[in-house]
Amino acid sequence: MTREKLIDFLQRADLINGPQATEIARSFAPLQLRKNEVLQPFGRVSDAYFFLDQGLLRAFVQDAEGNEVTTRFYSSGHVALDASSFFNRTPAQQQIHALTPCQGWVLSYQQLNTLFHARPEFREFGRSVLVGALATLQERMLDQIRETARTRYEKLLRTSPAVLQHAPLKYIASYLGVTDSSLSRLRGNA
């Protein structure tokens, strides 16, 4: 596994140049997950800032009745972490696990902060990633309120084909906020 995708990711916001990205990428350690292996367990403080090079991850919570509700899918080229747990140093309220075999690159909380203090360009990059993640979270929250289930499904189809290829339907249904049978109807009419 090479750091090529990680280096490209670090340069995406045009805040870090090629040599800087290569040097920063050396701080990340390789991490492989088997299918169904847990990256972030419930109740443990997150210590993994994980750039996903290959594979698909799923984050979920348990509702009041103990049902799993999918909160997010992470595909290749994205950072997977429980941001609240990681940055606030509190026990995770969601779990992240591998839906497929995964490969990526990881930094600990301490390593990330060391880089933020030592590398102003990485600090600015980190800020831009967090702003983007906040905007994505708000968009998802508003979509759940404003958009129909069909529209949410079609958006997922357009933006995240890997999810539809690799995630079980029950996980997709819970992510979209619909029942399994409603998702089957949506898929049949698509």
N, C-alpha and C. Protein backbone atom coordinates (compact mmCIF):
# COMPACT_ATOMS: atom_id res chain seq x y z
N MET A 1 0.85 -1.17 0.00
CA MET A 1 0.00 0.00 0.00
C MET A 1 0.90 1.24 0.00
N THR A 2 0.63 2.13 -0.93
CA THR A 2 1.41 3.37 -0.99
C THR A 2 0.60 4.51 -0.39
N ARG A 3 1.28 5.60 -0.12
CA ARG A 3 0.64 6.78 0.47
C ARG A 3 0.09 7.73 -0.60
N GLU A 4 0.01 7.29 -1.84
CA GLU A 4 -0.37 8.17 -2.94
C GLU A 4 -1.74 8.85 -2.73
N LYS A 5 -2.77 8.08 -2.37
CA LYS A 5 -4.10 8.67 -2.15
C LYS A 5 -4.09 9.63 -0.97
N LEU A 6 -3.34 9.29 0.07
CA LEU A 6 -3.23 10.17 1.24
C LEU A 6 -2.56 11.48 0.84
N ILE A 7 -1.50 11.42 0.07
CA ILE A 7 -0.80 12.62 -0.38
C ILE A 7 -1.73 13.47 -1.24
N ASP A 8 -2.47 12.85 -2.14
CA ASP A 8 -3.45 13.59 -2.96
C ASP A 8 -4.50 14.26 -2.08
N PHE A 9 -4.99 13.54 -1.08
CA PHE A 9 -5.99 14.08 -0.15
C PHE A 9 -5.43 15.31 0.57
N LEU A 10 -4.20 15.23 1.03
CA LEU A 10 -3.59 16.35 1.75
C LEU A 10 -3.43 17.59 0.87
N GLN A 11 -3.31 17.38 -0.44
CA GLN A 11 -3.14 18.51 -1.36
C GLN A 11 -4.47 19.04 -1.91
N ARG A 12 -5.56 18.37 -1.60
CA ARG A 12 -6.85 18.68 -2.21
C ARG A 12 -7.29 20.13 -2.00
N ALA A 13 -7.08 20.70 -0.84
CA ALA A 13 -7.55 22.05 -0.54
C ALA A 13 -6.57 23.13 -0.99
N ASP A 14 -5.49 22.75 -1.66
CA ASP A 14 -4.46 23.68 -2.12
C ASP A 14 -3.82 24.48 -0.98
N LEU A 15 -3.77 23.90 0.19
CA LEU A 15 -3.12 24.53 1.34
C LEU A 15 -1.77 23.90 1.64
N ILE A 16 -1.54 22.73 1.06
CA ILE A 16 -0.31 21.97 1.29
C ILE A 16 0.27 21.59 -0.07
N ASN A 17 1.55 21.88 -0.28
CA ASN A 17 2.17 21.54 -1.57
C ASN A 17 2.66 20.09 -1.55
N GLY A 18 3.16 19.63 -2.69
CA GLY A 18 3.58 18.24 -2.84
C GLY A 18 4.63 17.78 -1.84
N PRO A 19 5.76 18.49 -1.72
CA PRO A 19 6.77 18.07 -0.75
C PRO A 19 6.26 18.09 0.70
N GLN A 20 5.45 19.10 1.04
CA GLN A 20 4.88 19.16 2.39
C GLN A 20 3.96 17.97 2.63
N ALA A 21 3.12 17.66 1.65
CA ALA A 21 2.17 16.55 1.77
C ALA A 21 2.92 15.23 1.95
N THR A 22 3.98 15.04 1.19
CA THR A 22 4.77 13.82 1.29
C THR A 22 5.38 13.69 2.69
N GLU A 23 5.90 14.79 3.21
CA GLU A 23 6.51 14.77 4.54
C GLU A 23 5.45 14.51 5.62
N ILE A 24 4.30 15.17 5.53
CA ILE A 24 3.23 14.96 6.52
C ILE A 24 2.72 13.52 6.45
N ALA A 25 2.57 13.00 5.24
CA ALA A 25 2.05 11.63 5.06
C ALA A 25 2.93 10.59 5.75
N ARG A 26 4.22 10.88 5.87
CA ARG A 26 5.13 9.94 6.54
C ARG A 26 4.79 9.76 8.02
N SER A 27 4.06 10.71 8.60
CA SER A 27 3.67 10.62 10.01
C SER A 27 2.54 9.61 10.24
N PHE A 28 1.80 9.28 9.18
CA PHE A 28 0.68 8.34 9.28
C PHE A 28 1.20 6.91 9.24
N ALA A 29 0.63 6.06 10.07
CA ALA A 29 0.99 4.64 10.10
C ALA A 29 -0.05 3.83 9.32
N PRO A 30 0.38 2.76 8.64
CA PRO A 30 -0.59 1.93 7.92
C PRO A 30 -1.48 1.16 8.90
N LEU A 31 -2.72 0.97 8.50
CA LEU A 31 -3.66 0.19 9.30
C LEU A 31 -4.58 -0.58 8.37
N GLN A 32 -4.69 -1.87 8.63
CA GLN A 32 -5.60 -2.72 7.86
C GLN A 32 -6.67 -3.26 8.79
N LEU A 33 -7.90 -3.31 8.28
CA LEU A 33 -9.02 -3.87 9.03
C LEU A 33 -9.63 -5.00 8.22
N ARG A 34 -9.96 -6.08 8.90
CA ARG A 34 -10.69 -7.17 8.26
C ARG A 34 -12.17 -6.80 8.18
N LYS A 35 -12.89 -7.45 7.30
CA LYS A 35 -14.33 -7.25 7.23
C LYS A 35 -14.93 -7.50 8.61
N ASN A 36 -15.80 -6.62 9.04
CA ASN A 36 -16.49 -6.64 10.35
C ASN A 36 -15.61 -6.24 11.53
N GLU A 37 -14.35 -5.93 11.30
CA GLU A 37 -13.49 -5.49 12.40
C GLU A 37 -13.88 -4.07 12.82
N VAL A 38 -13.79 -3.80 14.11
CA VAL A 38 -14.20 -2.51 14.66
C VAL A 38 -13.01 -1.55 14.68
N LEU A 39 -13.20 -0.37 14.09
CA LEU A 39 -12.21 0.70 14.16
C LEU A 39 -12.41 1.50 15.44
N GLN A 40 -13.66 1.84 15.73
CA GLN A 40 -13.98 2.63 16.92
C GLN A 40 -15.12 1.97 17.69
N PRO A 41 -14.83 1.39 18.85
CA PRO A 41 -15.90 0.76 19.63
C PRO A 41 -16.69 1.78 20.46
N PHE A 42 -17.92 1.41 20.78
CA PHE A 42 -18.73 2.21 21.71
C PHE A 42 -17.98 2.38 23.03
N GLY A 43 -18.11 3.54 23.64
CA GLY A 43 -17.63 3.74 25.00
C GLY A 43 -16.15 3.98 25.18
N ARG A 44 -15.37 3.86 24.14
CA ARG A 44 -13.92 4.08 24.25
C ARG A 44 -13.58 5.42 23.58
N VAL A 45 -12.68 6.18 24.19
CA VAL A 45 -12.27 7.46 23.61
C VAL A 45 -11.55 7.18 22.29
N SER A 46 -11.96 7.87 21.26
CA SER A 46 -11.37 7.68 19.93
C SER A 46 -9.94 8.19 19.91
N ASP A 47 -9.06 7.39 19.33
CA ASP A 47 -7.67 7.81 19.17
C ASP A 47 -7.18 7.53 17.75
N ALA A 48 -8.13 7.46 16.81
CA ALA A 48 -7.75 7.12 15.43
C ALA A 48 -8.32 8.15 14.46
N TYR A 49 -7.42 8.94 13.88
CA TYR A 49 -7.75 9.82 12.76
C TYR A 49 -7.36 8.98 11.54
N PHE A 50 -8.36 8.35 10.92
CA PHE A 50 -8.11 7.29 9.94
C PHE A 50 -8.46 7.75 8.53
N PHE A 51 -7.46 7.83 7.66
CA PHE A 51 -7.69 8.10 6.25
C PHE A 51 -7.89 6.76 5.56
N LEU A 52 -9.06 6.58 4.95
CA LEU A 52 -9.41 5.32 4.31
C LEU A 52 -8.90 5.30 2.87
N ASP A 53 -7.95 4.43 2.62
CA ASP A 53 -7.36 4.28 1.29
C ASP A 53 -8.20 3.35 0.43
N GLN A 54 -8.66 2.25 1.00
CA GLN A 54 -9.49 1.26 0.30
C GLN A 54 -10.51 0.69 1.26
N GLY A 55 -11.73 0.47 0.75
CA GLY A 55 -12.74 -0.21 1.55
C GLY A 55 -13.93 0.67 1.87
N LEU A 56 -14.79 0.16 2.76
CA LEU A 56 -16.00 0.85 3.17
C LEU A 56 -16.23 0.61 4.65
N LEU A 57 -16.44 1.71 5.38
CA LEU A 57 -16.72 1.66 6.81
C LEU A 57 -18.13 2.17 7.08
N ARG A 58 -18.70 1.76 8.19
CA ARG A 58 -20.03 2.20 8.61
C ARG A 58 -19.97 2.67 10.06
N ALA A 59 -20.57 3.83 10.33
CA ALA A 59 -20.73 4.31 11.70
C ALA A 59 -22.19 4.15 12.08
N PHE A 60 -22.44 3.76 13.33
CA PHE A 60 -23.82 3.60 13.78
C PHE A 60 -23.94 3.85 15.28
N VAL A 61 -25.16 4.15 15.68
CA VAL A 61 -25.52 4.30 17.09
C VAL A 61 -26.62 3.30 17.39
N GLN A 62 -26.94 3.17 18.66
CA GLN A 62 -28.09 2.36 19.06
C GLN A 62 -29.17 3.30 19.58
N ASP A 63 -30.40 3.12 19.09
CA ASP A 63 -31.50 3.95 19.56
C ASP A 63 -31.99 3.46 20.92
N ALA A 64 -33.04 4.09 21.44
CA ALA A 64 -33.54 3.77 22.79
C ALA A 64 -33.99 2.32 22.92
N GLU A 65 -34.40 1.70 21.80
CA GLU A 65 -34.83 0.30 21.82
C GLU A 65 -33.69 -0.68 21.54
N GLY A 66 -32.48 -0.16 21.34
CA GLY A 66 -31.34 -1.03 21.08
C GLY A 66 -31.13 -1.36 19.61
N ASN A 67 -31.89 -0.72 18.72
CA ASN A 67 -31.72 -0.94 17.28
C ASN A 67 -30.53 -0.14 16.76
N GLU A 68 -29.79 -0.73 15.84
CA GLU A 68 -28.68 -0.01 15.22
C GLU A 68 -29.22 0.95 14.17
N VAL A 69 -28.72 2.19 14.21
CA VAL A 69 -29.09 3.21 13.23
C VAL A 69 -27.80 3.71 12.60
N THR A 70 -27.68 3.54 11.29
CA THR A 70 -26.48 3.96 10.57
C THR A 70 -26.45 5.48 10.49
N THR A 71 -25.33 6.06 10.93
CA THR A 71 -25.18 7.51 10.89
C THR A 71 -24.31 7.98 9.74
N ARG A 72 -23.44 7.09 9.24
CA ARG A 72 -22.52 7.53 8.20
C ARG A 72 -21.86 6.33 7.56
N PHE A 73 -21.55 6.47 6.28
CA PHE A 73 -20.69 5.53 5.57
C PHE A 73 -19.43 6.30 5.19
N TYR A 74 -18.29 5.64 5.25
CA TYR A 74 -17.02 6.23 4.85
C TYR A 74 -16.45 5.38 3.72
N SER A 75 -16.17 6.02 2.60
CA SER A 75 -15.60 5.30 1.46
C SER A 75 -14.17 5.78 1.22
N SER A 76 -13.51 5.14 0.30
CA SER A 76 -12.12 5.43 -0.04
C SER A 76 -11.93 6.93 -0.29
N GLY A 77 -10.84 7.47 0.27
CA GLY A 77 -10.52 8.87 0.05
C GLY A 77 -11.05 9.82 1.11
N HIS A 78 -11.65 9.26 2.17
CA HIS A 78 -12.23 10.09 3.24
C HIS A 78 -11.61 9.74 4.59
N VAL A 79 -11.72 10.69 5.52
CA VAL A 79 -11.28 10.47 6.89
C VAL A 79 -12.45 9.93 7.69
N ALA A 80 -12.21 8.85 8.42
CA ALA A 80 -13.23 8.25 9.29
C ALA A 80 -12.81 8.46 10.73
N LEU A 81 -13.70 9.05 11.51
CA LEU A 81 -13.47 9.19 12.93
C LEU A 81 -14.75 9.61 13.62
N ASP A 82 -14.83 9.34 14.91
CA ASP A 82 -15.90 9.88 15.74
C ASP A 82 -15.36 11.22 16.24
N ALA A 83 -15.71 12.30 15.55
CA ALA A 83 -15.12 13.61 15.81
C ALA A 83 -15.36 14.09 17.24
N SER A 84 -16.56 13.88 17.75
CA SER A 84 -16.86 14.32 19.11
C SER A 84 -15.96 13.61 20.12
N SER A 85 -15.85 12.31 20.00
CA SER A 85 -15.00 11.55 20.91
C SER A 85 -13.53 11.92 20.72
N PHE A 86 -13.09 12.01 19.49
CA PHE A 86 -11.68 12.26 19.19
C PHE A 86 -11.23 13.62 19.71
N PHE A 87 -11.97 14.67 19.38
CA PHE A 87 -11.53 16.02 19.73
C PHE A 87 -11.90 16.43 21.16
N ASN A 88 -12.99 15.91 21.70
CA ASN A 88 -13.39 16.25 23.07
C ASN A 88 -12.84 15.27 24.10
N ARG A 89 -12.22 14.18 23.64
CA ARG A 89 -11.63 13.15 24.50
C ARG A 89 -12.68 12.55 25.43
N THR A 90 -13.84 12.22 24.85
CA THR A 90 -14.95 11.62 25.58
C THR A 90 -15.26 10.24 25.00
N PRO A 91 -15.90 9.36 25.76
CA PRO A 91 -16.25 8.04 25.23
C PRO A 91 -17.13 8.14 23.99
N ALA A 92 -16.85 7.30 23.02
CA ALA A 92 -17.59 7.31 21.76
C ALA A 92 -19.02 6.84 21.98
N GLN A 93 -19.95 7.55 21.35
CA GLN A 93 -21.35 7.17 21.41
C GLN A 93 -21.77 6.43 20.14
N GLN A 94 -20.85 6.32 19.21
CA GLN A 94 -21.13 5.54 18.01
C GLN A 94 -19.97 4.58 17.78
N GLN A 95 -20.23 3.58 16.98
CA GLN A 95 -19.22 2.58 16.64
C GLN A 95 -18.95 2.67 15.15
N ILE A 96 -17.70 2.45 14.77
CA ILE A 96 -17.32 2.43 13.36
C ILE A 96 -16.70 1.06 13.08
N HIS A 97 -17.23 0.38 12.06
CA HIS A 97 -16.69 -0.94 11.72
C HIS A 97 -16.57 -1.10 10.21
N ALA A 98 -15.76 -2.06 9.81
CA ALA A 98 -15.47 -2.31 8.39
C ALA A 98 -16.55 -3.17 7.77
N LEU A 99 -17.14 -2.68 6.68
CA LEU A 99 -18.10 -3.49 5.91
C LEU A 99 -17.38 -4.35 4.89
N THR A 100 -16.17 -3.96 4.54
CA THR A 100 -15.32 -4.71 3.62
C THR A 100 -13.91 -4.70 4.23
N PRO A 101 -13.00 -5.50 3.71
CA PRO A 101 -11.61 -5.33 4.13
C PRO A 101 -11.18 -3.89 3.82
N CYS A 102 -10.47 -3.27 4.73
CA CYS A 102 -10.08 -1.86 4.58
C CYS A 102 -8.58 -1.69 4.79
N GLN A 103 -8.04 -0.72 4.08
CA GLN A 103 -6.65 -0.32 4.26
C GLN A 103 -6.63 1.20 4.35
N GLY A 104 -5.77 1.71 5.21
CA GLY A 104 -5.67 3.15 5.32
C GLY A 104 -4.48 3.57 6.15
N TRP A 105 -4.54 4.82 6.56
CA TRP A 105 -3.44 5.45 7.26
C TRP A 105 -3.99 6.15 8.49
N VAL A 106 -3.30 6.02 9.61
CA VAL A 106 -3.84 6.51 10.88
C VAL A 106 -2.84 7.39 11.63
N LEU A 107 -3.41 8.40 12.30
CA LEU A 107 -2.68 9.23 13.25
C LEU A 107 -3.40 9.15 14.59
N SER A 108 -2.66 9.19 15.67
CA SER A 108 -3.28 9.28 16.99
C SER A 108 -3.64 10.74 17.27
N TYR A 109 -4.42 10.95 18.31
CA TYR A 109 -4.78 12.31 18.73
C TYR A 109 -3.51 13.12 19.02
N GLN A 110 -2.58 12.53 19.73
CA GLN A 110 -1.34 13.23 20.07
C GLN A 110 -0.53 13.56 18.81
N GLN A 111 -0.43 12.61 17.89
CA GLN A 111 0.31 12.86 16.65
C GLN A 111 -0.35 13.97 15.83
N LEU A 112 -1.68 13.97 15.76
CA LEU A 112 -2.39 15.00 15.02
C LEU A 112 -2.11 16.37 15.62
N ASN A 113 -2.19 16.49 16.94
CA ASN A 113 -1.94 17.77 17.59
C ASN A 113 -0.50 18.22 17.44
N THR A 114 0.43 17.28 17.49
CA THR A 114 1.83 17.62 17.27
C THR A 114 2.01 18.21 15.87
N LEU A 115 1.39 17.58 14.88
CA LEU A 115 1.47 18.11 13.51
C LEU A 115 0.78 19.47 13.39
N PHE A 116 -0.37 19.65 14.04
CA PHE A 116 -1.06 20.94 14.01
C PHE A 116 -0.17 22.05 14.55
N HIS A 117 0.57 21.77 15.62
CA HIS A 117 1.43 22.80 16.22
C HIS A 117 2.71 23.02 15.42
N ALA A 118 3.22 21.98 14.79
CA ALA A 118 4.49 22.08 14.07
C ALA A 118 4.32 22.55 12.63
N ARG A 119 3.15 22.30 12.05
CA ARG A 119 2.96 22.55 10.62
C ARG A 119 1.73 23.45 10.40
N PRO A 120 1.91 24.77 10.30
CA PRO A 120 0.77 25.67 10.11
C PRO A 120 -0.09 25.30 8.90
N GLU A 121 0.55 24.80 7.84
CA GLU A 121 -0.22 24.43 6.64
C GLU A 121 -1.12 23.23 6.92
N PHE A 122 -0.67 22.33 7.78
CA PHE A 122 -1.50 21.18 8.14
C PHE A 122 -2.64 21.61 9.06
N ARG A 123 -2.37 22.58 9.93
CA ARG A 123 -3.41 23.12 10.80
C ARG A 123 -4.52 23.75 9.95
N GLU A 124 -4.14 24.52 8.93
CA GLU A 124 -5.14 25.14 8.04
C GLU A 124 -5.89 24.08 7.25
N PHE A 125 -5.17 23.06 6.82
CA PHE A 125 -5.82 21.95 6.12
C PHE A 125 -6.84 21.28 7.04
N GLY A 126 -6.44 21.01 8.27
CA GLY A 126 -7.35 20.38 9.24
C GLY A 126 -8.59 21.21 9.48
N ARG A 127 -8.41 22.53 9.56
CA ARG A 127 -9.56 23.42 9.73
C ARG A 127 -10.49 23.32 8.53
N SER A 128 -9.93 23.29 7.33
CA SER A 128 -10.77 23.20 6.13
C SER A 128 -11.52 21.87 6.07
N VAL A 129 -10.88 20.79 6.52
CA VAL A 129 -11.55 19.48 6.55
C VAL A 129 -12.71 19.51 7.54
N LEU A 130 -12.49 20.11 8.71
CA LEU A 130 -13.56 20.18 9.71
C LEU A 130 -14.72 21.05 9.24
N VAL A 131 -14.42 22.16 8.59
CA VAL A 131 -15.48 23.02 8.05
C VAL A 131 -16.28 22.26 7.00
N GLY A 132 -15.60 21.53 6.14
CA GLY A 132 -16.29 20.72 5.13
C GLY A 132 -17.16 19.65 5.76
N ALA A 133 -16.65 19.00 6.80
CA ALA A 133 -17.42 17.96 7.49
C ALA A 133 -18.65 18.54 8.17
N LEU A 134 -18.50 19.73 8.75
CA LEU A 134 -19.64 20.38 9.39
C LEU A 134 -20.71 20.73 8.35
N ALA A 135 -20.29 21.24 7.20
CA ALA A 135 -21.24 21.57 6.14
C ALA A 135 -21.96 20.31 5.63
N THR A 136 -21.21 19.22 5.49
CA THR A 136 -21.81 17.95 5.05
C THR A 136 -22.82 17.44 6.07
N LEU A 137 -22.48 17.55 7.34
CA LEU A 137 -23.39 17.12 8.40
C LEU A 137 -24.68 17.94 8.38
N GLN A 138 -24.54 19.26 8.21
CA GLN A 138 -25.74 20.10 8.15
C GLN A 138 -26.59 19.76 6.94
N GLU A 139 -25.96 19.54 5.80
CA GLU A 139 -26.69 19.17 4.59
C GLU A 139 -27.46 17.86 4.80
N ARG A 140 -26.82 16.89 5.40
CA ARG A 140 -27.49 15.61 5.67
C ARG A 140 -28.67 15.79 6.61
N MET A 141 -28.47 16.58 7.66
CA MET A 141 -29.55 16.82 8.62
C MET A 141 -30.74 17.50 7.93
N LEU A 142 -30.47 18.50 7.11
CA LEU A 142 -31.55 19.19 6.40
C LEU A 142 -32.21 18.28 5.37
N ASP A 143 -31.42 17.45 4.69
CA ASP A 143 -32.00 16.50 3.72
C ASP A 143 -32.97 15.55 4.41
N GLN A 144 -32.64 15.10 5.62
CA GLN A 144 -33.52 14.19 6.35
C GLN A 144 -34.87 14.84 6.64
N ILE A 145 -34.87 16.16 6.78
CA ILE A 145 -36.11 16.89 7.07
C ILE A 145 -36.84 17.30 5.80
N ARG A 146 -36.12 17.84 4.83
CA ARG A 146 -36.73 18.45 3.65
C ARG A 146 -37.01 17.49 2.51
N GLU A 147 -36.15 16.50 2.32
CA GLU A 147 -36.22 15.67 1.13
C GLU A 147 -37.04 14.41 1.36
N THR A 148 -37.61 13.91 0.27
CA THR A 148 -38.34 12.65 0.34
C THR A 148 -37.34 11.49 0.42
N ALA A 149 -37.82 10.35 0.82
CA ALA A 149 -36.97 9.16 0.87
C ALA A 149 -36.41 8.85 -0.51
N ARG A 150 -37.23 9.01 -1.55
CA ARG A 150 -36.78 8.76 -2.92
C ARG A 150 -35.61 9.68 -3.27
N THR A 151 -35.74 10.96 -2.95
CA THR A 151 -34.69 11.92 -3.27
C THR A 151 -33.41 11.59 -2.51
N ARG A 152 -33.54 11.21 -1.24
CA ARG A 152 -32.35 10.83 -0.45
C ARG A 152 -31.69 9.59 -1.04
N TYR A 153 -32.50 8.62 -1.47
CA TYR A 153 -31.97 7.40 -2.08
C TYR A 153 -31.24 7.73 -3.38
N GLU A 154 -31.85 8.55 -4.23
CA GLU A 154 -31.23 8.91 -5.51
C GLU A 154 -29.92 9.67 -5.30
N LYS A 155 -29.88 10.51 -4.27
CA LYS A 155 -28.64 11.24 -3.97
C LYS A 155 -27.55 10.26 -3.53
N LEU A 156 -27.91 9.29 -2.70
CA LEU A 156 -26.94 8.27 -2.28
C LEU A 156 -26.45 7.47 -3.48
N LEU A 157 -27.35 7.15 -4.38
CA LEU A 157 -27.01 6.42 -5.60
C LEU A 157 -25.98 7.20 -6.43
N ARG A 158 -26.18 8.52 -6.54
CA ARG A 158 -25.28 9.38 -7.31
C ARG A 158 -23.94 9.59 -6.62
N THR A 159 -23.98 9.84 -5.32
CA THR A 159 -22.76 10.28 -4.62
C THR A 159 -21.95 9.15 -3.99
N SER A 160 -22.58 8.02 -3.73
CA SER A 160 -21.89 6.95 -3.00
C SER A 160 -22.20 5.57 -3.56
N PRO A 161 -21.83 5.30 -4.82
CA PRO A 161 -22.14 4.00 -5.40
C PRO A 161 -21.52 2.83 -4.63
N ALA A 162 -20.38 3.04 -3.98
CA ALA A 162 -19.74 1.96 -3.22
C ALA A 162 -20.64 1.49 -2.08
N VAL A 163 -21.39 2.41 -1.50
CA VAL A 163 -22.30 2.03 -0.41
C VAL A 163 -23.36 1.07 -0.94
N LEU A 164 -23.92 1.40 -2.09
CA LEU A 164 -24.98 0.56 -2.66
C LEU A 164 -24.44 -0.78 -3.13
N GLN A 165 -23.16 -0.85 -3.46
CA GLN A 165 -22.55 -2.11 -3.89
C GLN A 165 -22.20 -3.02 -2.72
N HIS A 166 -21.80 -2.45 -1.59
CA HIS A 166 -21.20 -3.26 -0.52
C HIS A 166 -21.96 -3.29 0.80
N ALA A 167 -22.84 -2.33 1.04
CA ALA A 167 -23.53 -2.29 2.34
C ALA A 167 -24.81 -3.10 2.30
N PRO A 168 -25.09 -3.87 3.35
CA PRO A 168 -26.37 -4.57 3.42
C PRO A 168 -27.54 -3.58 3.38
N LEU A 169 -28.64 -4.01 2.79
CA LEU A 169 -29.80 -3.13 2.62
C LEU A 169 -30.32 -2.58 3.94
N LYS A 170 -30.26 -3.37 5.01
CA LYS A 170 -30.78 -2.88 6.29
C LYS A 170 -29.96 -1.69 6.80
N TYR A 171 -28.66 -1.65 6.49
CA TYR A 171 -27.83 -0.51 6.90
C TYR A 171 -28.17 0.72 6.06
N ILE A 172 -28.39 0.51 4.77
CA ILE A 172 -28.76 1.62 3.89
C ILE A 172 -30.12 2.17 4.30
N ALA A 173 -31.07 1.28 4.59
CA ALA A 173 -32.41 1.71 5.00
C ALA A 173 -32.33 2.57 6.26
N SER A 174 -31.58 2.13 7.25
CA SER A 174 -31.51 2.90 8.50
C SER A 174 -30.82 4.24 8.26
N TYR A 175 -29.83 4.29 7.38
CA TYR A 175 -29.16 5.54 7.04
C TYR A 175 -30.14 6.53 6.40
N LEU A 176 -31.00 6.00 5.52
CA LEU A 176 -31.97 6.85 4.83
C LEU A 176 -33.19 7.18 5.69
N GLY A 177 -33.33 6.49 6.81
CA GLY A 177 -34.47 6.74 7.68
C GLY A 177 -35.76 6.09 7.20
N VAL A 178 -35.62 4.93 6.53
CA VAL A 178 -36.79 4.21 6.02
C VAL A 178 -36.72 2.76 6.48
N THR A 179 -37.83 2.06 6.31
CA THR A 179 -37.85 0.63 6.63
C THR A 179 -37.20 -0.16 5.49
N ASP A 180 -36.86 -1.40 5.77
CA ASP A 180 -36.28 -2.27 4.73
C ASP A 180 -37.24 -2.42 3.56
N SER A 181 -38.53 -2.59 3.84
CA SER A 181 -39.51 -2.78 2.76
C SER A 181 -39.67 -1.50 1.94
N SER A 182 -39.61 -0.33 2.58
CA SER A 182 -39.69 0.93 1.83
C SER A 182 -38.48 1.07 0.90
N LEU A 183 -37.31 0.68 1.40
CA LEU A 183 -36.12 0.74 0.55
C LEU A 183 -36.26 -0.20 -0.63
N SER A 184 -36.81 -1.38 -0.42
CA SER A 184 -37.02 -2.33 -1.53
C SER A 184 -37.92 -1.72 -2.59
N ARG A 185 -38.96 -1.02 -2.16
CA ARG A 185 -39.85 -0.36 -3.13
C ARG A 185 -39.12 0.75 -3.88
N LEU A 186 -38.32 1.53 -3.15
CA LEU A 186 -37.55 2.60 -3.80
C LEU A 186 -36.60 2.02 -4.84
N ARG A 187 -35.94 0.94 -4.50
CA ARG A 187 -35.00 0.31 -5.43
C ARG A 187 -35.73 -0.26 -6.64
N GLY A 188 -36.91 -0.81 -6.42
CA GLY A 188 -37.70 -1.38 -7.51
C GLY A 188 -38.20 -0.34 -8.48
N ASN A 189 -38.41 0.88 -7.99
CA ASN A 189 -38.94 1.96 -8.83
C ASN A 189 -37.84 2.85 -9.39
N ALA A 190 -36.59 2.58 -9.04
CA ALA A 190 -35.49 3.46 -9.49
C ALA A 190 -35.12 3.19 -10.93
